Amino acid sequence: MLLELHIRNFALIEQADLEFREGLNVLSGETGAGKSILIDSIAAALGGKSGREAIRTGADAAYIELVFKISGAEKRERLLQLGVEPESDGVLIVSRKITADRSTFRINDRTVTAGLLRRLAALVIDIHGQHEVQTLFDPEIHLRFLDLTAGDALQEIKASYGSLYRRYQQLRDRLKQGEDDALRAREMELLRYEIQEIEEARLEEGEEERLQTEYTRGHNAERIRQALSEAGESLEEGSVSRALRRVSETLPYAPDLQDLAKQLIELESLTDDALREIRGHLDDTECDEERLAHIAERLDQIRRLQDKYREDVPGILRLLSEKKERLESLEDFETNREALQNEEAALCTALQSKAEQISSLRRESAGSLEERVIRELRGLNFPEAVFSVVFRKGAVLSEQGIDTAEFYISTNRGEPVKPLRAVASGGELSRIMLALKTVLAAQDQMESLIFDEIDTGISGRTAQAVSQRLYRIGAARQVLCITHLPQIAAMADHHYLLEKESDGTRTRTRIREISGEEIVGELGRLIGGSVITEGVLETAREMKRLADELKEAGR
């Protein structure tokens, strides 16, 4: 769940610090106040495209920080697989700093790539704007939606199928590579050459660092000798012994100088030790040109191998082990060919069986999904809606089984069902997506959903129906919704107002949570526009009262 959002100098937003909670979180404000900028900032922090143009004019950098609370062992495990570990209390802090020439992404103070953040985003938050609604055109998404409704039995079979399929693909690749005799011979020849090259180099971990240290010291031997000689002369000229002798002579007359005499004794001892150390180093410091040439040649050899294999010495040694295993596999290919082919055939048979089971479970669940989506669509002012899942069996096994599935719909009486991609209206697509999300709210593992422009092209009873579905989703998931409709805003559990301010020279967006009569005032603005009469405010109060009653009845 998204707990906090902090923004500094992003577009029109100079500073914003927001805390979000469970349920339906609504954001509203006048056109141009920056509502979509808020969603853009979240997307940018999670690896979305954003550059220097996002930095607020006059600022050196933009900064966005998201604080998530991760719950559930399964979600934690999936994050760990990405190399991301939440704090012990489940907190995960994601941030992005944008400057004129670069962006820096961090997770819990660890610098990461934009690609990793995009994979992380797919696990923690689901953002739906007009662009995301277009994903409804993708049949692969349809299959994912369908599988979410099919229950644990399907998920268990899919997990087993996925493990077998990965092994099957590895075997097929191995057979394909091995069956090309010329290609196999060339690869074996190259592997033998590289194995010999690495083995003859006799690489040792830590050798490069030791040689570099020795080379640097030998190459600078004369400088070291000169420095040590001057240091020794300076210590000898310091005459600590003379100072100690003179102070000692005064002790019969000035006993209070006893402590000073002890300090000089210690200093004399340290000076003698330092002089012995310097003389020892002087004896050991010499420039052996022949040794230096040998070290330079060895370092060149090590670095040529590092450049060639794009690895450090430990990495090259790991590669050597892998290359030996690969060579052994290729050399034994003819001996193992029949066993590999038999294993491939057995895996293919097992996969085919599991794919049929998966297909059967999908078809069983499709009827339930169709009924539930139709019920939601009719509640969203599609009274004549027909929704169906159309299956086709592929010619070959894929990672998802043997099925392809596509959603078909008809929104008007008498019209045949057509693929969703034939539905042109953005408002219709938004409502269809909302219907699917309402049905999937209990199964989907996504804890936070953001809806931007979900209310495009709707009003009246349809708007009321949309608001109730958003509230229902909010009962199971955290929902953030940008809206310009009072029916949706009235159903909010938490309402945030975005306001545009100007001091005559600069414009900025201010964001704050509102309650009580401020909510009534904002609902009045959404109802009546620029003219907010007492009658409009009374309508707003009535709308809020009815919304609260609906929410209470829903609980």
Protein backbone atom coordinates (compact mmCIF):
# COMPACT_ATOMS: atom_id res chain seq x y z
CA MET A 1 0.00 0.00 0.00
CA LEU A 2 1.17 3.53 -0.77
CA LEU A 3 1.56 5.33 2.55
CA GLU A 4 3.24 8.60 1.62
CA LEU A 5 4.09 10.77 -1.37
CA HIS A 6 6.66 13.57 -1.16
CA ILE A 7 7.32 15.88 -4.10
CA ARG A 8 9.79 18.72 -4.53
CA ASN A 9 9.94 20.97 -7.62
CA PHE A 10 8.16 18.63 -10.03
CA ALA A 11 6.34 20.59 -12.78
CA LEU A 12 3.90 22.99 -11.05
CA ILE A 13 4.31 21.34 -7.66
CA GLU A 14 6.88 23.17 -5.56
CA GLN A 15 6.31 21.02 -2.48
CA ALA A 16 3.78 18.36 -1.50
CA ASP A 17 3.73 15.93 1.40
CA LEU A 18 0.76 13.57 1.37
CA GLU A 19 -0.29 10.62 3.49
CA PHE A 20 -2.64 8.11 1.87
CA ARG A 21 -4.70 5.54 3.71
CA GLU A 22 -6.81 2.49 3.01
CA GLY A 23 -10.04 2.77 1.06
CA LEU A 24 -11.04 5.22 -1.66
CA ASN A 25 -8.70 8.24 -1.81
CA VAL A 26 -10.11 10.91 -4.15
CA LEU A 27 -8.16 13.83 -5.62
CA SER A 28 -10.05 16.73 -7.17
CA GLY A 29 -9.40 20.32 -8.20
CA GLU A 30 -9.89 22.83 -10.93
CA THR A 31 -8.77 22.08 -14.48
CA GLY A 32 -5.07 22.84 -14.77
CA ALA A 33 -4.44 22.55 -11.02
CA GLY A 34 -2.08 19.63 -11.60
CA LYS A 35 -4.13 16.52 -10.79
CA SER A 36 -2.52 14.47 -13.55
CA ILE A 37 0.90 15.84 -12.56
CA LEU A 38 0.47 14.04 -9.25
CA ILE A 39 -0.01 10.71 -11.04
CA ASP A 40 2.84 11.56 -13.41
CA SER A 41 5.12 12.06 -10.40
CA ILE A 42 4.26 8.60 -9.03
CA ALA A 43 4.86 7.02 -12.44
CA ALA A 44 8.16 8.92 -12.79
CA ALA A 45 9.39 7.72 -9.39
CA LEU A 46 8.65 4.15 -10.48
CA GLY A 47 10.86 4.32 -13.57
CA GLY A 48 8.53 6.09 -16.01
CA LYS A 49 9.84 8.43 -18.67
CA SER A 50 10.58 11.90 -17.33
CA GLY A 51 13.41 14.30 -18.04
CA ARG A 52 14.70 17.76 -17.33
CA GLU A 53 11.45 19.30 -18.61
CA ALA A 54 9.76 17.99 -15.43
CA ILE A 55 11.96 20.18 -13.19
CA ARG A 56 10.08 23.21 -11.90
CA THR A 57 11.32 26.41 -13.52
CA GLY A 58 14.06 27.99 -11.43
CA ALA A 59 14.93 24.81 -9.54
CA ASP A 60 18.09 22.72 -9.99
CA ALA A 61 16.41 19.35 -9.49
CA ALA A 62 13.11 17.60 -8.96
CA TYR A 63 12.65 14.96 -6.25
CA ILE A 64 9.89 12.40 -5.71
CA GLU A 65 9.69 9.92 -2.85
CA LEU A 66 7.15 7.12 -2.37
CA VAL A 67 6.76 5.17 0.88
CA PHE A 68 5.09 1.77 0.55
CA LYS A 69 4.05 -0.75 3.20
CA ILE A 70 4.57 -4.28 1.90
CA SER A 71 2.44 -7.00 3.47
CA GLY A 72 2.14 -10.71 2.80
CA ALA A 73 4.83 -13.38 2.54
CA GLU A 74 4.18 -13.99 -1.16
CA LYS A 75 4.69 -10.33 -2.07
CA ARG A 76 7.90 -10.19 -0.02
CA GLU A 77 9.19 -13.32 -1.74
CA ARG A 78 8.53 -11.86 -5.20
CA LEU A 79 10.36 -8.68 -4.19
CA LEU A 80 13.32 -10.71 -2.88
CA GLN A 81 13.49 -12.43 -6.26
CA LEU A 82 14.08 -8.95 -7.74
CA GLY A 83 16.81 -8.30 -5.17
CA VAL A 84 14.59 -5.87 -3.25
CA GLU A 85 14.21 -6.31 0.50
CA PRO A 86 11.76 -4.18 2.52
CA GLU A 87 12.68 -3.03 6.02
CA SER A 88 11.76 -5.32 8.93
CA ASP A 89 8.46 -3.44 9.36
CA GLY A 90 7.61 -3.87 5.66
CA VAL A 91 8.44 -0.28 4.68
CA LEU A 92 9.87 0.25 1.20
CA ILE A 93 11.07 3.73 0.20
CA VAL A 94 11.41 4.50 -3.51
CA SER A 95 12.83 7.81 -4.71
CA ARG A 96 13.95 9.57 -7.86
CA LYS A 97 16.04 12.70 -8.23
CA ILE A 98 15.93 14.41 -11.65
CA THR A 99 18.65 16.89 -12.62
CA ALA A 100 19.42 18.55 -15.93
CA ASP A 101 21.72 15.75 -17.05
CA ARG A 102 20.67 12.60 -15.19
CA SER A 103 18.18 10.77 -12.99
CA THR A 104 19.05 8.82 -9.85
CA PHE A 105 16.74 6.06 -8.63
CA ARG A 106 16.92 4.59 -5.13
CA ILE A 107 15.20 1.87 -3.13
CA ASN A 108 15.82 2.18 0.63
CA ASP A 109 18.94 4.32 -0.08
CA ARG A 110 20.34 1.77 -2.58
CA THR A 111 20.90 3.08 -6.10
CA VAL A 112 19.00 1.00 -8.67
CA THR A 113 18.13 1.08 -12.37
CA ALA A 114 14.93 2.37 -13.93
CA GLY A 115 14.31 -1.12 -15.30
CA LEU A 116 14.31 -2.64 -11.81
CA LEU A 117 11.88 0.01 -10.62
CA ARG A 118 9.51 -0.74 -13.48
CA ARG A 119 9.53 -4.42 -12.50
CA LEU A 120 8.96 -3.40 -8.88
CA ALA A 121 6.06 -1.14 -9.89
CA ALA A 122 4.29 -4.10 -11.52
CA LEU A 123 4.18 -5.73 -8.07
CA VAL A 124 3.14 -2.81 -5.84
CA ILE A 125 0.84 -0.46 -7.77
CA ASP A 126 -1.47 -0.50 -10.78
CA ILE A 127 -1.90 2.83 -12.60
CA HIS A 128 -4.86 3.19 -14.96
CA GLY A 129 -5.02 6.20 -17.23
CA GLN A 130 -6.19 6.38 -20.81
CA HIS A 131 -2.92 4.79 -21.97
CA GLU A 132 -3.24 1.86 -19.57
CA VAL A 133 -6.85 1.24 -20.63
CA GLN A 134 -5.48 0.48 -24.08
CA THR A 135 -3.97 -2.70 -22.62
CA LEU A 136 -7.49 -4.10 -22.87
CA PHE A 137 -6.72 -4.59 -26.55
CA ASP A 138 -4.03 -7.17 -25.70
CA PRO A 139 -5.32 -10.80 -25.58
CA GLU A 140 -2.39 -11.75 -23.32
CA ILE A 141 -3.90 -9.43 -20.70
CA HIS A 142 -7.25 -11.16 -21.20
CA LEU A 143 -5.67 -14.52 -20.40
CA ARG A 144 -4.08 -13.06 -17.25
CA PHE A 145 -7.44 -11.63 -16.11
CA LEU A 146 -9.12 -14.97 -16.76
CA ASP A 147 -6.48 -16.94 -14.84
CA LEU A 148 -6.88 -14.67 -11.81
CA THR A 149 -10.50 -15.81 -11.48
CA ALA A 150 -9.80 -19.53 -11.92
CA GLY A 151 -8.69 -20.17 -8.33
CA ASP A 152 -5.83 -21.97 -6.61
CA ALA A 153 -6.20 -25.21 -8.56
CA LEU A 154 -5.25 -23.49 -11.80
CA GLN A 155 -2.38 -21.60 -10.18
CA GLU A 156 -0.89 -24.85 -8.84
CA ILE A 157 -1.08 -26.57 -12.23
CA LYS A 158 0.33 -23.49 -13.96
CA ALA A 159 3.29 -23.43 -11.55
CA SER A 160 4.02 -27.10 -12.28
CA TYR A 161 3.53 -26.53 -16.01
CA GLY A 162 5.89 -23.53 -15.95
CA SER A 163 8.67 -25.54 -14.32
CA LEU A 164 8.30 -28.34 -16.89
CA TYR A 165 8.11 -25.87 -19.77
CA ARG A 166 11.40 -24.20 -18.80
CA ARG A 167 13.13 -27.60 -18.72
CA TYR A 168 11.50 -28.50 -22.05
CA GLN A 169 12.81 -25.31 -23.67
CA GLN A 170 16.32 -25.95 -22.34
CA LEU A 171 16.27 -29.45 -23.81
CA ARG A 172 14.99 -28.24 -27.17
CA ASP A 173 17.71 -25.58 -27.34
CA ARG A 174 20.34 -28.15 -26.43
CA LEU A 175 19.13 -30.60 -29.09
CA LYS A 176 18.85 -27.90 -31.71
CA GLN A 177 22.39 -26.69 -31.10
CA GLY A 178 23.79 -30.21 -30.94
CA GLU A 179 22.10 -31.51 -34.08
CA ASP A 180 23.88 -28.99 -36.28
CA ASP A 181 27.16 -30.92 -36.64
CA ALA A 182 29.09 -28.07 -38.22
CA LEU A 183 27.92 -25.56 -35.62
CA ARG A 184 28.70 -27.99 -32.80
CA ALA A 185 32.20 -28.64 -34.18
CA ARG A 186 32.91 -24.90 -34.41
CA GLU A 187 31.69 -24.30 -30.86
CA MET A 188 33.77 -27.20 -29.52
CA GLU A 189 36.87 -25.87 -31.27
CA LEU A 190 36.32 -22.39 -29.82
CA LEU A 191 35.69 -23.79 -26.32
CA ARG A 192 38.89 -25.87 -26.41
CA TYR A 193 40.90 -22.81 -27.49
CA GLU A 194 39.42 -20.59 -24.75
CA ILE A 195 39.83 -23.25 -22.06
CA GLN A 196 43.48 -23.70 -23.03
CA GLU A 197 44.03 -19.92 -23.11
CA ILE A 198 42.61 -19.43 -19.61
CA GLU A 199 44.34 -22.48 -18.11
CA GLU A 200 47.72 -21.50 -19.52
CA ALA A 201 47.35 -18.05 -17.98
CA ARG A 202 47.25 -19.71 -14.51
CA LEU A 203 45.15 -16.90 -13.07
CA GLU A 204 45.00 -16.47 -9.31
CA GLU A 205 42.49 -14.43 -7.34
CA GLY A 206 44.16 -11.36 -5.82
CA GLU A 207 47.23 -11.67 -8.06
CA GLU A 208 46.45 -8.55 -10.09
CA GLU A 209 46.15 -6.36 -6.99
CA ARG A 210 49.41 -7.73 -5.49
CA LEU A 211 51.34 -7.21 -8.74
CA GLN A 212 49.93 -3.71 -9.24
CA THR A 213 51.06 -2.74 -5.72
CA GLU A 214 54.54 -4.17 -6.31
CA TYR A 215 54.83 -2.49 -9.73
CA THR A 216 53.78 0.91 -8.38
CA ARG A 217 56.32 0.67 -5.56
CA GLY A 218 59.17 -0.50 -7.81
CA HIS A 219 58.39 2.10 -10.47
CA ASN A 220 58.62 4.84 -7.81
CA ALA A 221 61.60 3.38 -5.89
CA GLU A 222 63.84 6.45 -6.34
CA ARG A 223 61.14 8.79 -5.07
CA ILE A 224 60.58 6.55 -2.06
CA ARG A 225 64.33 6.41 -1.30
CA GLN A 226 64.67 10.18 -1.51
CA ALA A 227 61.66 10.76 0.73
CA LEU A 228 62.88 8.24 3.32
CA SER A 229 66.38 9.70 3.33
CA GLU A 230 65.07 13.20 3.91
CA ALA A 231 62.74 11.93 6.63
CA GLY A 232 65.66 10.22 8.41
CA GLU A 233 67.82 13.32 8.22
CA SER A 234 65.00 15.43 9.62
CA LEU A 235 64.57 13.10 12.60
CA GLU A 236 68.31 13.03 13.28
CA GLU A 237 68.51 16.82 13.12
CA GLY A 238 65.63 17.19 15.51
CA SER A 239 68.04 16.57 18.43
CA VAL A 240 65.47 15.06 20.76
CA SER A 241 68.37 13.53 22.72
CA ARG A 242 69.92 16.97 23.25
CA ALA A 243 66.60 18.37 24.45
CA LEU A 244 66.19 15.46 26.88
CA ARG A 245 69.74 15.93 28.23
CA ARG A 246 69.23 19.63 28.84
CA VAL A 247 65.86 19.14 30.61
CA SER A 248 67.28 16.30 32.74
CA GLU A 249 70.05 18.63 33.97
CA THR A 250 67.37 20.93 35.45
CA LEU A 251 65.48 18.27 37.37
CA PRO A 252 67.44 18.73 40.66
CA TYR A 253 66.36 22.37 40.63
CA ALA A 254 62.93 22.02 38.96
CA PRO A 255 61.22 18.76 39.94
CA ASP A 256 58.00 19.94 38.27
CA LEU A 257 59.69 19.27 34.91
CA GLN A 258 59.65 15.53 35.60
CA ASP A 259 56.57 14.96 33.39
CA LEU A 260 58.19 16.86 30.52
CA ALA A 261 61.31 14.70 30.88
CA LYS A 262 59.16 11.54 30.65
CA GLN A 263 57.52 12.85 27.47
CA LEU A 264 60.95 13.51 25.95
CA ILE A 265 62.09 10.01 26.91
CA GLU A 266 59.06 8.52 25.10
CA LEU A 267 59.65 10.81 22.13
CA GLU A 268 63.30 9.77 21.95
CA SER A 269 62.29 6.10 21.99
CA LEU A 270 59.72 6.67 19.22
CA THR A 271 62.26 8.62 17.17
CA ASP A 272 64.81 5.80 17.46
CA ASP A 273 62.15 3.28 16.39
CA ALA A 274 61.17 5.44 13.41
CA LEU A 275 64.80 5.82 12.33
CA ARG A 276 65.34 2.05 12.45
CA GLU A 277 62.15 1.58 10.38
CA ILE A 278 63.29 4.14 7.79
CA ARG A 279 66.74 2.50 7.45
CA GLY A 280 65.10 -0.89 7.02
CA HIS A 281 62.88 0.41 4.22
CA LEU A 282 65.85 2.12 2.58
CA ASP A 283 67.67 -1.21 2.45
CA ASP A 284 64.58 -2.89 0.88
CA THR A 285 63.85 -0.16 -1.66
CA GLU A 286 65.43 -0.76 -5.01
CA CYS A 287 64.44 -0.60 -8.66
CA ASP A 288 64.73 -4.01 -10.35
CA GLU A 289 64.05 -3.18 -14.01
CA GLU A 290 63.90 -6.83 -15.04
CA ARG A 291 61.33 -7.58 -12.32
CA LEU A 292 59.27 -4.53 -13.32
CA ALA A 293 59.22 -5.63 -16.97
CA HIS A 294 58.03 -9.10 -15.93
CA ILE A 295 55.24 -7.62 -13.76
CA ALA A 296 54.12 -5.28 -16.55
CA GLU A 297 53.94 -8.19 -19.00
CA ARG A 298 51.93 -10.29 -16.53
CA LEU A 299 49.50 -7.43 -15.83
CA ASP A 300 49.00 -6.94 -19.57
CA GLN A 301 48.19 -10.63 -19.95
CA ILE A 302 45.63 -10.54 -17.12
CA ARG A 303 43.96 -7.39 -18.45
CA ARG A 304 43.77 -8.69 -22.01
CA LEU A 305 41.84 -11.67 -20.71
CA GLN A 306 39.60 -9.40 -18.63
CA ASP A 307 38.85 -7.25 -21.68
CA LYS A 308 38.20 -10.28 -23.85
CA TYR A 309 35.84 -12.05 -21.46
CA ARG A 310 34.42 -8.88 -19.83
CA GLU A 311 34.95 -10.33 -16.36
CA ASP A 312 37.33 -9.88 -13.45
CA VAL A 313 39.64 -12.75 -12.49
CA PRO A 314 37.07 -14.59 -10.30
CA GLY A 315 34.55 -14.21 -13.13
CA ILE A 316 36.98 -15.64 -15.70
CA LEU A 317 37.64 -18.63 -13.44
CA ARG A 318 33.86 -19.21 -13.18
CA LEU A 319 33.64 -18.98 -16.98
CA LEU A 320 36.39 -21.59 -17.26
CA SER A 321 34.31 -24.03 -15.21
CA GLU A 322 31.21 -23.29 -17.31
CA LYS A 323 33.10 -23.71 -20.58
CA LYS A 324 34.46 -27.08 -19.45
CA GLU A 325 30.93 -28.24 -18.60
CA ARG A 326 29.64 -27.02 -21.95
CA LEU A 327 32.45 -28.73 -23.84
CA GLU A 328 31.80 -31.98 -22.01
CA SER A 329 28.11 -31.72 -22.88
CA LEU A 330 28.88 -31.20 -26.57
CA GLU A 331 31.46 -33.97 -26.67
CA ASP A 332 28.96 -36.37 -25.11
CA PHE A 333 26.07 -35.18 -27.27
CA GLU A 334 26.03 -38.16 -29.62
CA THR A 335 26.12 -40.55 -26.68
CA ASN A 336 23.32 -38.68 -24.89
CA ARG A 337 21.24 -37.75 -27.96
CA GLU A 338 18.74 -40.59 -27.60
CA ALA A 339 18.31 -39.99 -23.86
CA LEU A 340 17.74 -36.26 -24.49
CA GLN A 341 15.22 -36.98 -27.22
CA ASN A 342 13.38 -39.42 -24.99
CA GLU A 343 13.31 -36.87 -22.16
CA GLU A 344 12.04 -34.21 -24.58
CA ALA A 345 9.23 -36.49 -25.77
CA ALA A 346 8.26 -37.36 -22.18
CA LEU A 347 8.22 -33.69 -21.22
CA CYS A 348 6.15 -32.84 -24.27
CA THR A 349 3.59 -35.49 -23.31
CA ALA A 350 3.46 -34.27 -19.70
CA LEU A 351 3.13 -30.65 -20.84
CA GLN A 352 0.35 -31.53 -23.27
CA SER A 353 -1.56 -33.23 -20.47
CA LYS A 354 -1.14 -30.30 -18.08
CA ALA A 355 -2.00 -27.82 -20.85
CA GLU A 356 -5.29 -29.66 -21.41
CA GLN A 357 -6.02 -29.50 -17.66
CA ILE A 358 -5.25 -25.78 -17.65
CA SER A 359 -7.48 -25.28 -20.68
CA SER A 360 -10.34 -27.18 -19.02
CA LEU A 361 -10.10 -25.11 -15.81
CA ARG A 362 -10.00 -21.90 -17.83
CA ARG A 363 -13.12 -22.82 -19.74
CA GLU A 364 -14.90 -23.72 -16.52
CA SER A 365 -14.02 -20.36 -14.96
CA ALA A 366 -14.82 -18.40 -18.14
CA GLY A 367 -18.57 -18.82 -17.65
CA SER A 368 -18.42 -17.40 -14.12
CA LEU A 369 -16.26 -14.49 -15.30
CA GLU A 370 -18.69 -13.72 -18.13
CA GLU A 371 -21.67 -13.65 -15.76
CA ARG A 372 -19.95 -11.44 -13.19
CA VAL A 373 -18.60 -8.97 -15.77
CA ILE A 374 -22.02 -8.72 -17.46
CA ARG A 375 -23.60 -7.99 -14.07
CA GLU A 376 -21.06 -5.22 -13.42
CA LEU A 377 -21.42 -3.79 -16.94
CA ARG A 378 -25.18 -3.57 -16.60
CA GLY A 379 -24.70 -1.75 -13.33
CA LEU A 380 -22.41 0.68 -15.20
CA ASN A 381 -25.20 1.66 -17.61
CA PHE A 382 -24.65 -1.04 -20.22
CA PRO A 383 -28.14 -2.55 -19.80
CA GLU A 384 -27.90 -4.71 -22.94
CA ALA A 385 -24.25 -5.71 -22.53
CA VAL A 386 -23.09 -9.14 -23.64
CA PHE A 387 -19.58 -10.26 -22.67
CA SER A 388 -17.88 -13.49 -23.65
CA VAL A 389 -14.49 -15.16 -23.60
CA VAL A 390 -13.52 -16.67 -26.96
CA PHE A 391 -10.94 -19.47 -26.84
CA ARG A 392 -8.63 -20.71 -29.55
CA LYS A 393 -6.16 -23.57 -29.27
CA GLY A 394 -2.66 -22.87 -30.49
CA ALA A 395 -0.77 -25.21 -32.77
CA VAL A 396 2.17 -25.43 -30.37
CA LEU A 397 2.70 -25.29 -26.65
CA SER A 398 3.58 -21.88 -25.20
CA GLU A 399 4.60 -20.62 -21.79
CA GLN A 400 0.91 -20.08 -20.96
CA GLY A 401 -0.28 -23.47 -22.19
CA ILE A 402 -2.09 -24.22 -25.40
CA ASP A 403 -4.81 -21.55 -25.22
CA THR A 404 -5.26 -18.07 -26.50
CA ALA A 405 -8.26 -16.22 -25.12
CA GLU A 406 -9.83 -12.93 -26.13
CA PHE A 407 -12.64 -10.87 -24.63
CA TYR A 408 -15.57 -10.08 -26.91
CA ILE A 409 -18.34 -7.61 -26.14
CA SER A 410 -21.54 -6.10 -27.43
CA THR A 411 -22.86 -3.01 -25.65
CA ASN A 412 -26.09 -2.58 -27.64
CA ARG A 413 -29.05 -4.87 -28.33
CA GLY A 414 -28.87 -6.60 -31.68
CA GLU A 415 -25.18 -6.03 -32.26
CA PRO A 416 -22.94 -9.11 -32.52
CA VAL A 417 -20.14 -9.51 -30.02
CA LYS A 418 -16.84 -8.13 -31.28
CA PRO A 419 -13.27 -8.08 -29.93
CA LEU A 420 -12.65 -5.39 -27.33
CA ARG A 421 -10.20 -3.75 -29.72
CA ALA A 422 -13.22 -2.87 -31.90
CA VAL A 423 -14.67 -0.76 -29.04
CA ALA A 424 -13.62 2.77 -29.95
CA SER A 425 -15.06 4.89 -27.11
CA GLY A 426 -12.60 5.80 -24.37
CA GLY A 427 -15.47 6.17 -21.91
CA GLU A 428 -16.70 2.68 -22.71
CA LEU A 429 -13.22 1.20 -22.34
CA SER A 430 -12.81 2.89 -18.95
CA ARG A 431 -16.06 1.38 -17.69
CA ILE A 432 -15.17 -2.06 -19.06
CA MET A 433 -11.82 -1.88 -17.27
CA LEU A 434 -13.60 -0.80 -14.09
CA ALA A 435 -16.01 -3.73 -14.39
CA LEU A 436 -13.10 -6.16 -14.73
CA LYS A 437 -11.23 -4.57 -11.82
CA THR A 438 -14.35 -4.78 -9.65
CA VAL A 439 -14.71 -8.50 -10.43
CA LEU A 440 -11.00 -9.16 -9.88
CA ALA A 441 -10.58 -7.02 -6.75
CA ALA A 442 -10.71 -10.02 -4.41
CA GLN A 443 -8.27 -12.15 -6.48
CA ASP A 444 -5.76 -9.56 -7.65
CA GLN A 445 -2.69 -9.30 -5.39
CA MET A 446 -2.16 -5.61 -6.24
CA GLU A 447 -2.62 -3.59 -3.05
CA SER A 448 -2.84 -0.12 -4.62
CA LEU A 449 -4.74 0.98 -7.73
CA ILE A 450 -4.71 4.43 -9.31
CA PHE A 451 -7.49 5.55 -11.65
CA ASP A 452 -6.88 8.65 -13.75
CA GLU A 453 -9.67 9.78 -16.10
CA ILE A 454 -11.82 6.76 -15.21
CA ASP A 455 -14.83 9.11 -15.40
CA THR A 456 -14.14 10.25 -18.97
CA GLY A 457 -17.37 10.66 -20.95
CA ILE A 458 -19.81 9.70 -18.16
CA SER A 459 -22.33 11.54 -15.99
CA GLY A 460 -25.62 11.08 -14.14
CA ARG A 461 -26.60 7.53 -13.18
CA THR A 462 -23.51 6.08 -14.82
CA ALA A 463 -21.31 8.31 -12.68
CA GLN A 464 -23.13 7.13 -9.56
CA ALA A 465 -22.64 3.50 -10.57
CA VAL A 466 -18.92 4.10 -11.21
CA SER A 467 -18.55 5.74 -7.79
CA GLN A 468 -20.11 2.74 -6.05
CA ARG A 469 -17.80 0.31 -7.84
CA LEU A 470 -14.75 2.36 -6.98
CA TYR A 471 -15.86 2.31 -3.36
CA ARG A 472 -16.33 -1.47 -3.51
CA ILE A 473 -12.82 -1.93 -4.89
CA GLY A 474 -11.58 0.37 -2.13
CA ALA A 475 -13.05 -2.02 0.44
CA ALA A 476 -10.52 -4.65 -0.70
CA ARG A 477 -7.68 -2.48 -2.06
CA GLN A 478 -6.32 1.00 -1.66
CA VAL A 479 -7.69 3.17 -4.48
CA LEU A 480 -6.43 6.59 -5.59
CA CYS A 481 -8.80 8.27 -8.04
CA ILE A 482 -8.54 11.60 -9.83
CA THR A 483 -12.03 12.84 -10.67
CA HIS A 484 -14.08 15.85 -11.78
CA LEU A 485 -17.41 14.21 -10.91
CA PRO A 486 -19.17 15.02 -7.61
CA GLN A 487 -20.78 11.56 -7.49
CA ILE A 488 -17.33 9.94 -7.23
CA ALA A 489 -15.86 12.58 -4.91
CA ALA A 490 -18.80 12.17 -2.49
CA MET A 491 -17.95 8.46 -1.99
CA ALA A 492 -14.39 9.17 -0.90
CA ASP A 493 -13.02 7.83 2.35
CA HIS A 494 -10.32 10.50 2.11
CA HIS A 495 -10.54 13.61 -0.08
CA TYR A 496 -7.54 15.65 -1.29
CA LEU A 497 -7.89 19.04 -2.94
CA LEU A 498 -5.44 20.40 -5.49
CA GLU A 499 -5.40 24.18 -5.81
CA LYS A 500 -3.47 26.40 -8.18
CA GLU A 501 -1.98 29.54 -6.59
CA SER A 502 -0.17 32.51 -8.11
CA ASP A 503 1.74 35.40 -6.59
CA GLY A 504 1.63 37.35 -9.85
CA THR A 505 4.95 36.02 -11.12
CA ARG A 506 4.90 32.27 -10.36
CA THR A 507 2.20 29.59 -10.30
CA ARG A 508 2.28 26.66 -7.93
CA THR A 509 0.03 23.75 -7.00
CA ARG A 510 -0.95 23.16 -3.38
CA ILE A 511 -2.33 19.80 -2.21
CA ARG A 512 -4.09 19.14 1.09
CA GLU A 513 -6.62 16.80 2.62
CA ILE A 514 -10.04 18.34 3.29
CA SER A 515 -12.97 17.37 5.51
CA GLY A 516 -16.36 18.57 6.71
CA GLU A 517 -17.68 21.73 5.09
CA GLU A 518 -14.61 21.97 2.85
CA ILE A 519 -15.73 18.74 1.17
CA VAL A 520 -19.21 20.20 0.76
CA GLY A 521 -17.68 23.31 -0.81
CA GLU A 522 -15.62 21.22 -3.26
CA LEU A 523 -18.64 19.09 -4.16
CA GLY A 524 -20.52 22.34 -4.75
CA ARG A 525 -17.79 23.52 -7.13
CA LEU A 526 -17.92 20.21 -9.01
CA ILE A 527 -21.71 20.52 -9.28
CA GLY A 528 -22.09 24.20 -10.04
CA GLY A 529 -18.79 25.27 -11.54
CA SER A 530 -17.75 28.86 -10.89
CA VAL A 531 -21.15 29.90 -9.44
CA ILE A 532 -21.75 28.22 -6.10
CA THR A 533 -25.10 29.26 -4.66
CA GLU A 534 -26.65 28.19 -1.38
CA GLY A 535 -28.88 25.87 -3.39
CA VAL A 536 -25.82 24.21 -4.92
CA LEU A 537 -24.26 23.77 -1.48
CA GLU A 538 -27.47 22.23 -0.17
CA THR A 539 -27.41 19.78 -3.09
CA ALA A 540 -23.79 18.99 -2.22
CA ARG A 541 -24.71 18.31 1.41
CA GLU A 542 -27.52 16.02 0.32
CA MET A 543 -25.19 14.19 -2.09
CA LYS A 544 -22.63 13.68 0.66
CA ARG A 545 -25.31 12.48 3.09
CA LEU A 546 -26.66 9.95 0.58
CA ALA A 547 -23.12 8.77 -0.22
CA ASP A 548 -22.40 8.22 3.48
CA GLU A 549 -25.63 6.22 3.81
CA LEU A 550 -24.66 4.06 0.81
CA LYS A 551 -21.23 3.44 2.33
CA GLU A 552 -22.72 2.56 5.70
CA ALA A 553 -25.16 0.14 4.05
CA GLY A 554 -22.27 -1.41 2.13
CA ARG A 555 -20.36 -2.06 5.32
